[in-house]
């Protein structure tokens, strides 16, 4: 598979991951995504944004600046939309977990990409 074709597939996978996150974030849920784990929803928020930031940066499929801007807008939008969904709420702590996962994913992604 050519490198350009691989990059296209990686970008598609990244966009699909974002779409899946957005779909789940507006579903009415009544429980934490990690039942029995204190602050499980914050861990889930952090983890999703960490992976969504790390993956495209390490592979070089998407520019770091693009990843940062797209995921920052996604974090703000998803939290805002949750205010409109039954059994969901817009929480600053969730947004903070999203941004922390995003930033750590970017930093680690850049470090790993430079070692390649």
PDB file of N, CA and C in Angstrom:
ATOM      1  N   UNK A   1       0.857  -1.170   0.000  1.00  0.00           N
ATOM      2  CA  UNK A   1       0.000   0.000   0.000  1.00  0.00           C
ATOM      3  C   UNK A   1       0.905   1.235   0.000  1.00  0.00           C
ATOM      4  N   UNK A   2       0.593   2.178  -0.870  1.00  0.00           N
ATOM      5  CA  UNK A   2       1.423   3.381  -0.948  1.00  0.00           C
ATOM      6  C   UNK A   2       1.275   4.218   0.314  1.00  0.00           C
ATOM      7  N   UNK A   3       2.276   5.052   0.564  1.00  0.00           N
ATOM      8  CA  UNK A   3       2.234   5.871   1.781  1.00  0.00           C
ATOM      9  C   UNK A   3       1.088   6.876   1.732  1.00  0.00           C
ATOM     10  N   UNK A   4       0.765   7.397   0.542  1.00  0.00           N
ATOM     11  CA  UNK A   4      -0.358   8.338   0.434  1.00  0.00           C
ATOM     12  C   UNK A   4      -1.681   7.615   0.693  1.00  0.00           C
ATOM     13  N   UNK A   5      -1.797   6.409   0.184  1.00  0.00           N
ATOM     14  CA  UNK A   5      -3.018   5.636   0.417  1.00  0.00           C
ATOM     15  C   UNK A   5      -3.148   5.288   1.903  1.00  0.00           C
ATOM     16  N   UNK A   6      -2.048   4.921   2.520  1.00  0.00           N
ATOM     17  CA  UNK A   6      -2.048   4.634   3.956  1.00  0.00           C
ATOM     18  C   UNK A   6      -2.454   5.867   4.741  1.00  0.00           C
ATOM     19  N   UNK A   7      -1.901   7.016   4.378  1.00  0.00           N
ATOM     20  CA  UNK A   7      -2.241   8.265   5.068  1.00  0.00           C
ATOM     21  C   UNK A   7      -3.728   8.572   4.933  1.00  0.00           C
ATOM     22  N   UNK A   8      -4.289   8.316   3.743  1.00  0.00           N
ATOM     23  CA  UNK A   8      -5.729   8.552   3.556  1.00  0.00           C
ATOM     24  C   UNK A   8      -6.552   7.650   4.470  1.00  0.00           C
ATOM     25  N   UNK A   9      -6.162   6.385   4.581  1.00  0.00           N
ATOM     26  CA  UNK A   9      -6.879   5.464   5.464  1.00  0.00           C
ATOM     27  C   UNK A   9      -6.756   5.883   6.929  1.00  0.00           C
ATOM     28  N   UNK A  10      -5.581   6.337   7.312  1.00  0.00           N
ATOM     29  CA  UNK A  10      -5.380   6.787   8.692  1.00  0.00           C
ATOM     30  C   UNK A  10      -6.229   8.021   8.989  1.00  0.00           C
ATOM     31  N   UNK A  11      -6.290   8.952   8.035  1.00  0.00           N
ATOM     32  CA  UNK A  11      -7.143  10.140   8.225  1.00  0.00           C
ATOM     33  C   UNK A  11      -8.607   9.727   8.331  1.00  0.00           C
ATOM     34  N   UNK A  12      -9.025   8.777   7.482  1.00  0.00           N
ATOM     35  CA  UNK A  12     -10.394   8.278   7.536  1.00  0.00           C
ATOM     36  C   UNK A  12     -10.689   7.653   8.897  1.00  0.00           C
ATOM     37  N   UNK A  13      -9.764   6.839   9.398  1.00  0.00           N
ATOM     38  CA  UNK A  13      -9.948   6.206  10.711  1.00  0.00           C
ATOM     39  C   UNK A  13     -10.059   7.256  11.806  1.00  0.00           C
ATOM     40  N   UNK A  14      -9.258   8.319  11.713  1.00  0.00           N
ATOM     41  CA  UNK A  14      -9.309   9.399  12.702  1.00  0.00           C
ATOM     42  C   UNK A  14     -10.669  10.091  12.667  1.00  0.00           C
ATOM     43  N   UNK A  15     -11.144  10.399  11.463  1.00  0.00           N
ATOM     44  CA  UNK A  15     -12.446  11.056  11.316  1.00  0.00           C
ATOM     45  C   UNK A  15     -13.560  10.133  11.810  1.00  0.00           C
ATOM     46  N   UNK A  16     -13.457   8.843  11.528  1.00  0.00           N
ATOM     47  CA  UNK A  16     -14.454   7.882  12.013  1.00  0.00           C
ATOM     48  C   UNK A  16     -14.458   7.828  13.539  1.00  0.00           C
ATOM     49  N   UNK A  17     -13.281   7.886  14.149  1.00  0.00           N
ATOM     50  CA  UNK A  17     -13.193   7.919  15.614  1.00  0.00           C
ATOM     51  C   UNK A  17     -13.853   9.154  16.194  1.00  0.00           C
ATOM     52  N   UNK A  18     -13.643  10.282  15.548  1.00  0.00           N
ATOM     53  CA  UNK A  18     -14.276  11.528  15.994  1.00  0.00           C
ATOM     54  C   UNK A  18     -15.789  11.420  15.865  1.00  0.00           C
ATOM     55  N   UNK A  19     -16.257  10.893  14.735  1.00  0.00           N
ATOM     56  CA  UNK A  19     -17.698  10.740  14.525  1.00  0.00           C
ATOM     57  C   UNK A  19     -18.309   9.807  15.568  1.00  0.00           C
ATOM     58  N   UNK A  20     -17.619   8.715  15.871  1.00  0.00           N
ATOM     59  CA  UNK A  20     -18.117   7.779  16.885  1.00  0.00           C
ATOM     60  C   UNK A  20     -18.198   8.454  18.248  1.00  0.00           C
ATOM     61  N   UNK A  21     -17.160   9.218  18.604  1.00  0.00           N
ATOM     62  CA  UNK A  21     -17.184   9.930  19.879  1.00  0.00           C
ATOM     63  C   UNK A  21     -18.353  10.905  19.928  1.00  0.00           C
ATOM     64  N   UNK A  22     -18.543  11.663  18.852  1.00  0.00           N
ATOM     65  CA  UNK A  22     -19.617  12.650  18.827  1.00  0.00           C
ATOM     66  C   UNK A  22     -20.978  11.974  18.948  1.00  0.00           C
ATOM     67  N   UNK A  23     -21.156  10.838  18.276  1.00  0.00           N
ATOM     68  CA  UNK A  23     -22.423  10.108  18.360  1.00  0.00           C
ATOM     69  C   UNK A  23     -22.691   9.635  19.786  1.00  0.00           C
ATOM     70  N   UNK A  24     -21.688   9.074  20.428  1.00  0.00           N
ATOM     71  CA  UNK A  24     -21.853   8.587  21.802  1.00  0.00           C
ATOM     72  C   UNK A  24     -22.064   9.748  22.768  1.00  0.00           C
ATOM     73  N   UNK A  25     -21.414  10.871  22.522  1.00  0.00           N
ATOM     74  CA  UNK A  25     -21.497  11.990  23.465  1.00  0.00           C
ATOM     75  C   UNK A  25     -22.872  12.644  23.495  1.00  0.00           C
ATOM     76  N   UNK A  26     -23.683  12.427  22.456  1.00  0.00           N
ATOM     77  CA  UNK A  26     -25.027  13.007  22.477  1.00  0.00           C
ATOM     78  C   UNK A  26     -26.105  11.958  22.740  1.00  0.00           C
ATOM     79  N   UNK A  27     -25.696  10.728  23.066  1.00  0.00           N
ATOM     80  CA  UNK A  27     -26.663   9.693  23.433  1.00  0.00           C
ATOM     81  C   UNK A  27     -27.062   9.883  24.893  1.00  0.00           C
ATOM     82  N   UNK A  28     -28.359   9.747  25.186  1.00  0.00           N
ATOM     83  CA  UNK A  28     -28.763   9.851  26.589  1.00  0.00           C
ATOM     84  C   UNK A  28     -28.281   8.631  27.379  1.00  0.00           C
ATOM     85  N   UNK A  29     -27.388   8.837  28.301  1.00  0.00           N
ATOM     86  CA  UNK A  29     -26.859   7.764  29.137  1.00  0.00           C
ATOM     87  C   UNK A  29     -27.203   8.054  30.586  1.00  0.00           C
ATOM     88  N   UNK A  30     -27.450   7.011  31.338  1.00  0.00           N
ATOM     89  CA  UNK A  30     -27.779   7.216  32.748  1.00  0.00           C
ATOM     90  C   UNK A  30     -26.667   6.748  33.678  1.00  0.00           C
ATOM     91  N   UNK A  31     -25.583   6.162  33.115  1.00  0.00           N
ATOM     92  CA  UNK A  31     -24.499   5.669  33.966  1.00  0.00           C
ATOM     93  C   UNK A  31     -23.145   6.163  33.467  1.00  0.00           C
ATOM     94  N   UNK A  32     -22.192   6.011  34.337  1.00  0.00           N
ATOM     95  CA  UNK A  32     -20.810   6.326  33.992  1.00  0.00           C
ATOM     96  C   UNK A  32     -20.303   5.309  32.973  1.00  0.00           C
ATOM     97  N   UNK A  33     -19.429   5.724  32.038  1.00  0.00           N
ATOM     98  CA  UNK A  33     -18.874   4.765  31.090  1.00  0.00           C
ATOM     99  C   UNK A  33     -17.973   3.717  31.753  1.00  0.00           C
ATOM    100  N   UNK A  34     -17.514   3.991  32.976  1.00  0.00           N
ATOM    101  CA  UNK A  34     -16.698   3.036  33.730  1.00  0.00           C
ATOM    102  C   UNK A  34     -17.353   2.816  35.090  1.00  0.00           C
ATOM    103  N   UNK A  35     -18.424   2.000  35.144  1.00  0.00           N
ATOM    104  CA  UNK A  35     -19.140   1.803  36.403  1.00  0.00           C
ATOM    105  C   UNK A  35     -18.223   1.295  37.505  1.00  0.00           C
ATOM    106  N   UNK A  36     -18.420   1.812  38.695  1.00  0.00           N
ATOM    107  CA  UNK A  36     -17.636   1.382  39.843  1.00  0.00           C
ATOM    108  C   UNK A  36     -16.292   2.059  39.970  1.00  0.00           C
ATOM    109  N   UNK A  37     -15.935   2.880  39.008  1.00  0.00           N
ATOM    110  CA  UNK A  37     -14.654   3.590  39.053  1.00  0.00           C
ATOM    111  C   UNK A  37     -14.933   5.050  39.386  1.00  0.00           C
ATOM    112  N   UNK A  38     -14.344   5.506  40.496  1.00  0.00           N
ATOM    113  CA  UNK A  38     -14.539   6.898  40.879  1.00  0.00           C
ATOM    114  C   UNK A  38     -13.991   7.794  39.770  1.00  0.00           C
ATOM    115  N   UNK A  39     -14.760   8.769  39.387  1.00  0.00           N
ATOM    116  CA  UNK A  39     -14.417   9.699  38.303  1.00  0.00           C
ATOM    117  C   UNK A  39     -14.211   8.966  36.976  1.00  0.00           C
ATOM    118  N   UNK A  40     -14.951   7.877  36.779  1.00  0.00           N
ATOM    119  CA  UNK A  40     -14.826   7.081  35.560  1.00  0.00           C
ATOM    120  C   UNK A  40     -15.113   7.869  34.300  1.00  0.00           C
ATOM    121  N   UNK A  41     -16.080   8.787  34.371  1.00  0.00           N
ATOM    122  CA  UNK A  41     -16.386   9.573  33.177  1.00  0.00           C
ATOM    123  C   UNK A  41     -15.239  10.514  32.815  1.00  0.00           C
ATOM    124  N   UNK A  42     -14.550  11.033  33.810  1.00  0.00           N
ATOM    125  CA  UNK A  42     -13.404  11.926  33.537  1.00  0.00           C
ATOM    126  C   UNK A  42     -12.256  11.130  32.919  1.00  0.00           C
ATOM    127  N   UNK A  43     -12.050   9.909  33.413  1.00  0.00           N
ATOM    128  CA  UNK A  43     -11.010   9.041  32.855  1.00  0.00           C
ATOM    129  C   UNK A  43     -11.350   8.714  31.402  1.00  0.00           C
ATOM    130  N   UNK A  44     -12.620   8.438  31.135  1.00  0.00           N
ATOM    131  CA  UNK A  44     -13.048   8.136  29.766  1.00  0.00           C
ATOM    132  C   UNK A  44     -12.845   9.345  28.854  1.00  0.00           C
ATOM    133  N   UNK A  45     -13.229  10.531  29.325  1.00  0.00           N
ATOM    134  CA  UNK A  45     -13.022  11.756  28.532  1.00  0.00           C
ATOM    135  C   UNK A  45     -11.541  11.938  28.213  1.00  0.00           C
ATOM    136  N   UNK A  46     -10.704  11.818  29.233  1.00  0.00           N
ATOM    137  CA  UNK A  46      -9.259  11.975  29.054  1.00  0.00           C
ATOM    138  C   UNK A  46      -8.738  10.953  28.044  1.00  0.00           C
ATOM    139  N   UNK A  47      -9.122   9.702  28.229  1.00  0.00           N
ATOM    140  CA  UNK A  47      -8.622   8.625  27.374  1.00  0.00           C
ATOM    141  C   UNK A  47      -9.012   8.774  25.915  1.00  0.00           C
ATOM    142  N   UNK A  48     -10.256   9.148  25.670  1.00  0.00           N
ATOM    143  CA  UNK A  48     -10.717   9.316  24.287  1.00  0.00           C
ATOM    144  C   UNK A  48      -9.922  10.419  23.594  1.00  0.00           C
ATOM    145  N   UNK A  49      -9.769  11.559  24.251  1.00  0.00           N
ATOM    146  CA  UNK A  49      -9.052  12.670  23.622  1.00  0.00           C
ATOM    147  C   UNK A  49      -7.554  12.397  23.528  1.00  0.00           C
ATOM    148  N   UNK A  50      -7.016  11.641  24.467  1.00  0.00           N
ATOM    149  CA  UNK A  50      -5.606  11.248  24.396  1.00  0.00           C
ATOM    150  C   UNK A  50      -5.364  10.416  23.137  1.00  0.00           C
ATOM    151  N   UNK A  51      -6.200   9.414  22.918  1.00  0.00           N
ATOM    152  CA  UNK A  51      -6.048   8.536  21.753  1.00  0.00           C
ATOM    153  C   UNK A  51      -6.305   9.305  20.456  1.00  0.00           C
ATOM    154  N   UNK A  52      -7.362  10.132  20.441  1.00  0.00           N
ATOM    155  CA  UNK A  52      -7.671  10.899  19.232  1.00  0.00           C
ATOM    156  C   UNK A  52      -6.572  11.900  18.885  1.00  0.00           C
ATOM    157  N   UNK A  53      -5.808  12.339  19.865  1.00  0.00           N
ATOM    158  CA  UNK A  53      -4.691  13.254  19.602  1.00  0.00           C
ATOM    159  C   UNK A  53      -3.423  12.486  19.253  1.00  0.00           C
ATOM    160  N   UNK A  54      -3.149  11.424  19.968  1.00  0.00           N
ATOM    161  CA  UNK A  54      -1.904  10.669  19.791  1.00  0.00           C
ATOM    162  C   UNK A  54      -1.819   9.987  18.425  1.00  0.00           C
ATOM    163  N   UNK A  55      -2.856   9.280  18.064  1.00  0.00           N
ATOM    164  CA  UNK A  55      -2.864   8.445  16.862  1.00  0.00           C
ATOM    165  C   UNK A  55      -2.469   9.201  15.584  1.00  0.00           C
ATOM    166  N   UNK A  56      -3.142  10.294  15.233  1.00  0.00           N
ATOM    167  CA  UNK A  56      -2.786  10.953  13.968  1.00  0.00           C
ATOM    168  C   UNK A  56      -1.425  11.643  13.998  1.00  0.00           C
ATOM    169  N   UNK A  57      -0.979  12.065  15.167  1.00  0.00           N
ATOM    170  CA  UNK A  57       0.317  12.749  15.264  1.00  0.00           C
ATOM    171  C   UNK A  57       1.457  11.753  15.104  1.00  0.00           C
ATOM    172  N   UNK A  58       1.378  10.624  15.786  1.00  0.00           N
ATOM    173  CA  UNK A  58       2.430   9.603  15.694  1.00  0.00           C
ATOM    174  C   UNK A  58       2.540   9.066  14.267  1.00  0.00           C
ATOM    175  N   UNK A  59       1.410   8.858  13.617  1.00  0.00           N
ATOM    176  CA  UNK A  59       1.427   8.303  12.262  1.00  0.00           C
ATOM    177  C   UNK A  59       1.754   9.353  11.211  1.00  0.00           C
ATOM    178  N   UNK A  60       1.646  10.620  11.571  1.00  0.00           N
ATOM    179  CA  UNK A  60       1.905  11.690  10.608  1.00  0.00           C
ATOM    180  C   UNK A  60       0.766  11.896   9.631  1.00  0.00           C
ATOM    181  N   UNK A  61      -0.398  11.306   9.913  1.00  0.00           N
ATOM    182  CA  UNK A  61      -1.534  11.387   9.000  1.00  0.00           C
ATOM    183  C   UNK A  61      -2.192  12.763   9.002  1.00  0.00           C
ATOM    184  N   UNK A  62      -2.108  13.473  10.116  1.00  0.00           N
ATOM    185  CA  UNK A  62      -2.748  14.784  10.243  1.00  0.00           C
ATOM    186  C   UNK A  62      -1.768  15.715  10.946  1.00  0.00           C
ATOM    187  N   UNK A  63      -1.728  16.963  10.518  1.00  0.00           N
ATOM    188  CA  UNK A  63      -0.823  17.940  11.127  1.00  0.00           C
ATOM    189  C   UNK A  63      -1.202  18.196  12.585  1.00  0.00           C
ATOM    190  N   UNK A  64      -0.199  18.467  13.404  1.00  0.00           N
ATOM    191  CA  UNK A  64      -0.403  18.701  14.839  1.00  0.00           C
ATOM    192  C   UNK A  64      -1.378  19.853  15.060  1.00  0.00           C
ATOM    193  N   UNK A  65      -1.187  20.939  14.347  1.00  0.00           N
ATOM    194  CA  UNK A  65      -2.070  22.108  14.513  1.00  0.00           C
ATOM    195  C   UNK A  65      -3.522  21.757  14.179  1.00  0.00           C
ATOM    196  N   UNK A  66      -3.713  20.984  13.118  1.00  0.00           N
ATOM    197  CA  UNK A  66      -5.066  20.569  12.732  1.00  0.00           C
ATOM    198  C   UNK A  66      -5.686  19.692  13.811  1.00  0.00           C
ATOM    199  N   UNK A  67      -4.916  18.744  14.323  1.00  0.00           N
ATOM    200  CA  UNK A  67      -5.405  17.863  15.393  1.00  0.00           C
ATOM    201  C   UNK A  67      -5.826  18.701  16.589  1.00  0.00           C
ATOM    202  N   UNK A  68      -4.978  19.635  16.996  1.00  0.00           N
ATOM    203  CA  UNK A  68      -5.282  20.476  18.153  1.00  0.00           C
ATOM    204  C   UNK A  68      -6.578  21.252  17.943  1.00  0.00           C
ATOM    205  N   UNK A  69      -6.692  21.947  16.815  1.00  0.00           N
ATOM    206  CA  UNK A  69      -7.872  22.786  16.577  1.00  0.00           C
ATOM    207  C   UNK A  69      -9.150  21.961  16.449  1.00  0.00           C
ATOM    208  N   UNK A  70      -9.092  20.870  15.697  1.00  0.00           N
ATOM    209  CA  UNK A  70     -10.286  20.034  15.508  1.00  0.00           C
ATOM    210  C   UNK A  70     -10.748  19.444  16.836  1.00  0.00           C
ATOM    211  N   UNK A  71      -9.815  18.917  17.617  1.00  0.00           N
ATOM    212  CA  UNK A  71     -10.207  18.286  18.883  1.00  0.00           C
ATOM    213  C   UNK A  71     -10.630  19.306  19.936  1.00  0.00           C
ATOM    214  N   UNK A  72     -10.058  20.494  19.912  1.00  0.00           N
ATOM    215  CA  UNK A  72     -10.507  21.537  20.840  1.00  0.00           C
ATOM    216  C   UNK A  72     -11.945  21.940  20.521  1.00  0.00           C
ATOM    217  N   UNK A  73     -12.238  22.130  19.242  1.00  0.00           N
ATOM    218  CA  UNK A  73     -13.615  22.453  18.839  1.00  0.00           C
ATOM    219  C   UNK A  73     -14.547  21.296  19.189  1.00  0.00           C
ATOM    220  N   UNK A  74     -14.097  20.065  18.978  1.00  0.00           N
ATOM    221  CA  UNK A  74     -14.906  18.887  19.324  1.00  0.00           C
ATOM    222  C   UNK A  74     -15.211  18.846  20.820  1.00  0.00           C
ATOM    223  N   UNK A  75     -14.221  19.111  21.648  1.00  0.00           N
ATOM    224  CA  UNK A  75     -14.421  19.091  23.102  1.00  0.00           C
ATOM    225  C   UNK A  75     -15.463  20.124  23.519  1.00  0.00           C
ATOM    226  N   UNK A  76     -15.324  21.325  23.013  1.00  0.00           N
ATOM    227  CA  UNK A  76     -16.258  22.404  23.371  1.00  0.00           C
ATOM    228  C   UNK A  76     -17.653  22.096  22.841  1.00  0.00           C
ATOM    229  N   UNK A  77     -17.738  21.639  21.599  1.00  0.00           N
ATOM    230  CA  UNK A  77     -19.032  21.343  20.983  1.00  0.00           C
ATOM    231  C   UNK A  77     -19.737  20.187  21.680  1.00  0.00           C
ATOM    232  N   UNK A  78     -19.003  19.115  21.951  1.00  0.00           N
ATOM    233  CA  UNK A  78     -19.644  17.949  22.568  1.00  0.00           C
ATOM    234  C   UNK A  78     -20.164  18.272  23.961  1.00  0.00           C
ATOM    235  N   UNK A  79     -19.401  19.024  24.724  1.00  0.00           N
ATOM    236  CA  UNK A  79     -19.884  19.405  26.060  1.00  0.00           C
ATOM    237  C   UNK A  79     -21.096  20.329  25.962  1.00  0.00           C
ATOM    238  N   UNK A  80     -21.083  21.240  25.021  1.00  0.00           N
ATOM    239  CA  UNK A  80     -22.222  22.152  24.843  1.00  0.00           C
ATOM    240  C   UNK A  80     -23.470  21.386  24.428  1.00  0.00           C
ATOM    241  N   UNK A  81     -23.323  20.428  23.521  1.00  0.00           N
ATOM    242  CA  UNK A  81     -24.472  19.637  23.070  1.00  0.00           C
ATOM    243  C   UNK A  81     -25.050  18.782  24.188  1.00  0.00           C
ATOM    244  N   UNK A  82     -24.209  18.335  25.104  1.00  0.00           N
ATOM    245  CA  UNK A  82     -24.692  17.490  26.193  1.00  0.00           C
ATOM    246  C   UNK A  82     -25.658  18.234  27.109  1.00  0.00           C
ATOM    247  N   UNK A  83     -25.600  19.539  27.118  1.00  0.00           N
ATOM    248  CA  UNK A  83     -26.548  20.318  27.921  1.00  0.00           C
ATOM    249  C   UNK A  83     -27.972  20.153  27.391  1.00  0.00           C
ATOM    250  N   UNK A  84     -28.104  19.740  26.135  1.00  0.00           N
ATOM    251  CA  UNK A  84     -29.418  19.606  25.504  1.00  0.00           C
ATOM    252  C   UNK A  84     -29.959  18.176  25.527  1.00  0.00           C
ATOM    253  N   UNK A  85     -29.161  17.224  26.011  1.00  0.00           N
ATOM    254  CA  UNK A  85     -29.523  15.807  25.956  1.00  0.00           C
ATOM    255  C   UNK A  85     -29.992  15.328  27.331  1.00  0.00           C
ATOM    256  N   UNK A  86     -31.139  14.585  27.374  1.00  0.00           N
ATOM    257  CA  UNK A  86     -31.604  14.052  28.658  1.00  0.00           C
ATOM    258  C   UNK A  86     -30.551  13.147  29.305  1.00  0.00           C
ATOM    259  N   UNK A  87     -30.453  13.207  30.609  1.00  0.00           N
ATOM    260  CA  UNK A  87     -29.512  12.425  31.419  1.00  0.00           C
ATOM    261  C   UNK A  87     -28.050  12.791  31.171  1.00  0.00           C
ATOM    262  N   UNK A  88     -27.783  13.871  30.464  1.00  0.00           N
ATOM    263  CA  UNK A  88     -26.413  14.330  30.234  1.00  0.00           C
ATOM    264  C   UNK A  88     -26.321  15.755  30.763  1.00  0.00           C
ATOM    265  N   UNK A  89     -25.114  16.211  30.993  1.00  0.00           N
ATOM    266  CA  UNK A  89     -24.928  17.585  31.459  1.00  0.00           C
ATOM    267  C   UNK A  89     -23.635  18.143  30.889  1.00  0.00           C
ATOM    268  N   UNK A  90     -23.587  19.439  30.809  1.00  0.00           N
ATOM    269  CA  UNK A  90     -22.393  20.142  30.346  1.00  0.00           C
ATOM    270  C   UNK A  90     -21.554  20.451  31.582  1.00  0.00           C
ATOM    271  N   UNK A  91     -20.377  19.831  31.677  1.00  0.00           N
ATOM    272  CA  UNK A  91     -19.537  20.016  32.862  1.00  0.00           C
ATOM    273  C   UNK A  91     -18.166  20.554  32.474  1.00  0.00           C
ATOM    274  N   UNK A  92     -17.732  21.574  33.194  1.00  0.00           N
ATOM    275  CA  UNK A  92     -16.406  22.144  32.963  1.00  0.00           C
ATOM    276  C   UNK A  92     -15.328  21.096  33.247  1.00  0.00           C
ATOM    277  N   UNK A  93     -15.555  20.235  34.236  1.00  0.00           N
ATOM    278  CA  UNK A  93     -14.571  19.191  34.563  1.00  0.00           C
ATOM    279  C   UNK A  93     -14.396  18.211  33.400  1.00  0.00           C
ATOM    280  N   UNK A  94     -15.476  17.904  32.679  1.00  0.00           N
ATOM    281  CA  UNK A  94     -15.364  17.035  31.503  1.00  0.00           C
ATOM    282  C   UNK A  94     -14.550  17.719  30.412  1.00  0.00           C
ATOM    283  N   UNK A  95     -14.814  18.995  30.202  1.00  0.00           N
ATOM    284  CA  UNK A  95     -14.059  19.763  29.211  1.00  0.00           C
ATOM    285  C   UNK A  95     -12.580  19.810  29.587  1.00  0.00           C
ATOM    286  N   UNK A  96     -12.301  19.987  30.871  1.00  0.00           N
ATOM    287  CA  UNK A  96     -10.904  20.010  31.338  1.00  0.00           C
ATOM    288  C   UNK A  96     -10.232  18.657  31.090  1.00  0.00           C
ATOM    289  N   UNK A  97     -10.951  17.561  31.339  1.00  0.00           N
ATOM    290  CA  UNK A  97     -10.391  16.224  31.090  1.00  0.00           C
ATOM    291  C   UNK A  97     -10.132  16.025  29.594  1.00  0.00           C
ATOM    292  N   UNK A  98     -11.055  16.508  28.758  1.00  0.00           N
ATOM    293  CA  UNK A  98     -10.866  16.432  27.306  1.00  0.00           C
ATOM    294  C   UNK A  98      -9.585  17.155  26.892  1.00  0.00           C
ATOM    295  N   UNK A  99      -9.431  18.382  27.366  1.00  0.00           N
ATOM    296  CA  UNK A  99      -8.280  19.210  26.979  1.00  0.00           C
ATOM    297  C   UNK A  99      -6.975  18.625  27.521  1.00  0.00           C
ATOM    298  N   UNK A 100      -6.995  18.098  28.742  1.00  0.00           N
ATOM    299  CA  UNK A 100      -5.775  17.480  29.285  1.00  0.00           C
ATOM    300  C   UNK A 100      -5.373  16.250  28.470  1.00  0.00           C
ATOM    301  N   UNK A 101      -6.347  15.426  28.097  1.00  0.00           N
ATOM    302  CA  UNK A 101      -6.055  14.267  27.251  1.00  0.00           C
ATOM    303  C   UNK A 101      -5.528  14.689  25.890  1.00  0.00           C
ATOM    304  N   UNK A 102      -6.135  15.716  25.330  1.00  0.00           N
ATOM    305  CA  UNK A 102      -5.701  16.260  24.043  1.00  0.00           C
ATOM    306  C   UNK A 102      -4.256  16.746  24.105  1.00  0.00           C
ATOM    307  N   UNK A 103      -3.942  17.547  25.106  1.00  0.00           N
ATOM    308  CA  UNK A 103      -2.593  18.111  25.214  1.00  0.00           C
ATOM    309  C   UNK A 103      -1.537  17.036  25.473  1.00  0.00           C
ATOM    310  N   UNK A 104      -1.826  16.108  26.375  1.00  0.00           N
ATOM    311  CA  UNK A 104      -0.851  15.048  26.655  1.00  0.00           C
ATOM    312  C   UNK A 104      -0.665  14.147  25.431  1.00  0.00           C
ATOM    313  N   UNK A 105      -1.751  13.851  24.736  1.00  0.00           N
ATOM    314  CA  UNK A 105      -1.653  13.056  23.514  1.00  0.00           C
ATOM    315  C   UNK A 105      -0.804  13.734  22.457  1.00  0.00           C
ATOM    316  N   UNK A 106      -0.975  15.053  22.319  1.00  0.00           N
ATOM    317  CA  UNK A 106      -0.162  15.800  21.352  1.00  0.00           C
ATOM    318  C   UNK A 106       1.315  15.781  21.729  1.00  0.00           C
ATOM    319  N   UNK A 107       1.605  16.045  22.998  1.00  0.00           N
ATOM    320  CA  UNK A 107       3.003  16.096  23.446  1.00  0.00           C
ATOM    321  C   UNK A 107       3.681  14.739  23.238  1.00  0.00           C
ATOM    322  N   UNK A 108       3.045  13.679  23.699  1.00  0.00           N
ATOM    323  CA  UNK A 108       3.638  12.348  23.547  1.00  0.00           C
ATOM    324  C   UNK A 108       3.723  11.972  22.063  1.00  0.00           C
ATOM    325  N   UNK A 109       2.698  12.330  21.303  1.00  0.00           N
ATOM    326  CA  UNK A 109       2.711  12.049  19.869  1.00  0.00           C
ATOM    327  C   UNK A 109       3.861  12.727  19.150  1.00  0.00           C
ATOM    328  N   UNK A 110       4.102  13.988  19.470  1.00  0.00           N
ATOM    329  CA  UNK A 110       5.210  14.725  18.847  1.00  0.00           C
ATOM    330  C   UNK A 110       6.548  14.098  19.230  1.00  0.00           C
ATOM    331  N   UNK A 111       6.707  13.759  20.502  1.00  0.00           N
ATOM    332  CA  UNK A 111       7.965  13.137  20.959  1.00  0.00           C
ATOM    333  C   UNK A 111       8.191  11.809  20.235  1.00  0.00           C
ATOM    334  N   UNK A 112       7.165  10.975  20.152  1.00  0.00           N
ATOM    335  CA  UNK A 112       7.303   9.679  19.482  1.00  0.00           C
ATOM    336  C   UNK A 112       7.549   9.840  17.983  1.00  0.00           C
ATOM    337  N   UNK A 113       6.881  10.805  17.366  1.00  0.00           N
ATOM    338  CA  UNK A 113       7.060  11.032  15.925  1.00  0.00           C
ATOM    339  C   UNK A 113       8.481  11.488  15.612  1.00  0.00           C
ATOM    340  N   UNK A 114       9.069  12.267  16.488  1.00  0.00           N
ATOM    341  CA  UNK A 114      10.442  12.747  16.269  1.00  0.00           C
ATOM    342  C   UNK A 114      11.463  11.627  16.414  1.00  0.00           C
ATOM    343  N   UNK A 115      11.129  10.599  17.201  1.00  0.00           N
ATOM    344  CA  UNK A 115      12.053   9.476  17.396  1.00  0.00           C
ATOM    345  C   UNK A 115      12.054   8.527  16.203  1.00  0.00           C
ATOM    346  N   UNK A 116      11.075   8.649  15.326  1.00  0.00           N
ATOM    347  CA  UNK A 116      10.972   7.759  14.158  1.00  0.00           C
ATOM    348  C   UNK A 116      12.114   7.999  13.206  1.00  0.00           C
TER     349      UNK A 116
END
